[in-house]
Amino acid sequence: MSTTTDVDELRTLVAQSCRILASTGCVREITGHVSARVPGTDRFLVRCRPPQDPGVEFTVVDDIKLVDLETTNADLDGGYALPGEWAIHTELYRARPDIGAVVHGHPRASLLCGVLDLPLQPVIGAYDPGAMELAVRGVPVYPRAVLISDRELGGALAAAMGEADACLLRGHGVVAVGEDVQQATVRAIKLETLADLTLGLHSVAGAEPILLSPEDRAEVAEFVSSRNAARTYAQWTWDFYLRSLSAADVTRRD
């Protein structure tokens, strides 16, 4: 498969991710963005802001631009601009070669958990293994609510996130990463699932959530890893949300 074909397919995936995240409430209105590394290169595809932004829900492939870590707005044509928080993406890519895609969004339940300082704990198992995996691996918190608008702030976020799959940005939103666009997108959705469940549990006065036993954590984790279920789970979940889109055509602006 040629590099051009790979880039074109990846561009479509990034646009689809933006629409899926909007449909699930993980990005809001004109805020939120997705990027993907072009495998084997230092180039990236990222959702850029058009001159008149109709909202992330209406992202099309023309909105996804091929850039590198040093690209600036002056390098983009057609009046497009990089995300104001492009440093989220650049500094995570610099810090972690394992990352193939980055999602940044502003989902409500995750936001509230961060503001209320509610820990995202492993309270579910087979109900949602993807959400459980995030809880078991841990979801760190970046304590500032400012725009991640420069390399210093992006580096601080990357340091706070460490090797985690996702991070809460207190008073701001979330970041989720993955080996590819599908995995990063599903992790953002599952993080919001986990946050929503956490809010529900803490809304019951006097209730104390029961955490999974070490045995249950280990057994579910072993099931996922032994059958390569994590990758299949992410792909099938992605496919479900893709089929659920009310406007799946991302080849033209609505």
Foldseek 3Di string as FASTA:
>chain_A
DDLVVLVLVQLLLQLLLLQLCVVLQQADFADKKKKFDSPPDQKMWIQWAAPDRRGSNQAFSVRIDIGGLPDAQVVDPRRTGHPQQCLLVSLLVVVDVQFGMKIWHAHDLLQVCLQVVQFLAALDFPVDPLLNVLRVQGAFEAEDADRNRDNVSSNSVNVRRPPHQKYRYHNHHIMGTDNGSLLRSVSSSSPSVSSVVSVVQVVDPPGDRDHDDPVRSVVRVCVCVVVVVSVVVSVVVSVVSCVVRPDNNRNDGD
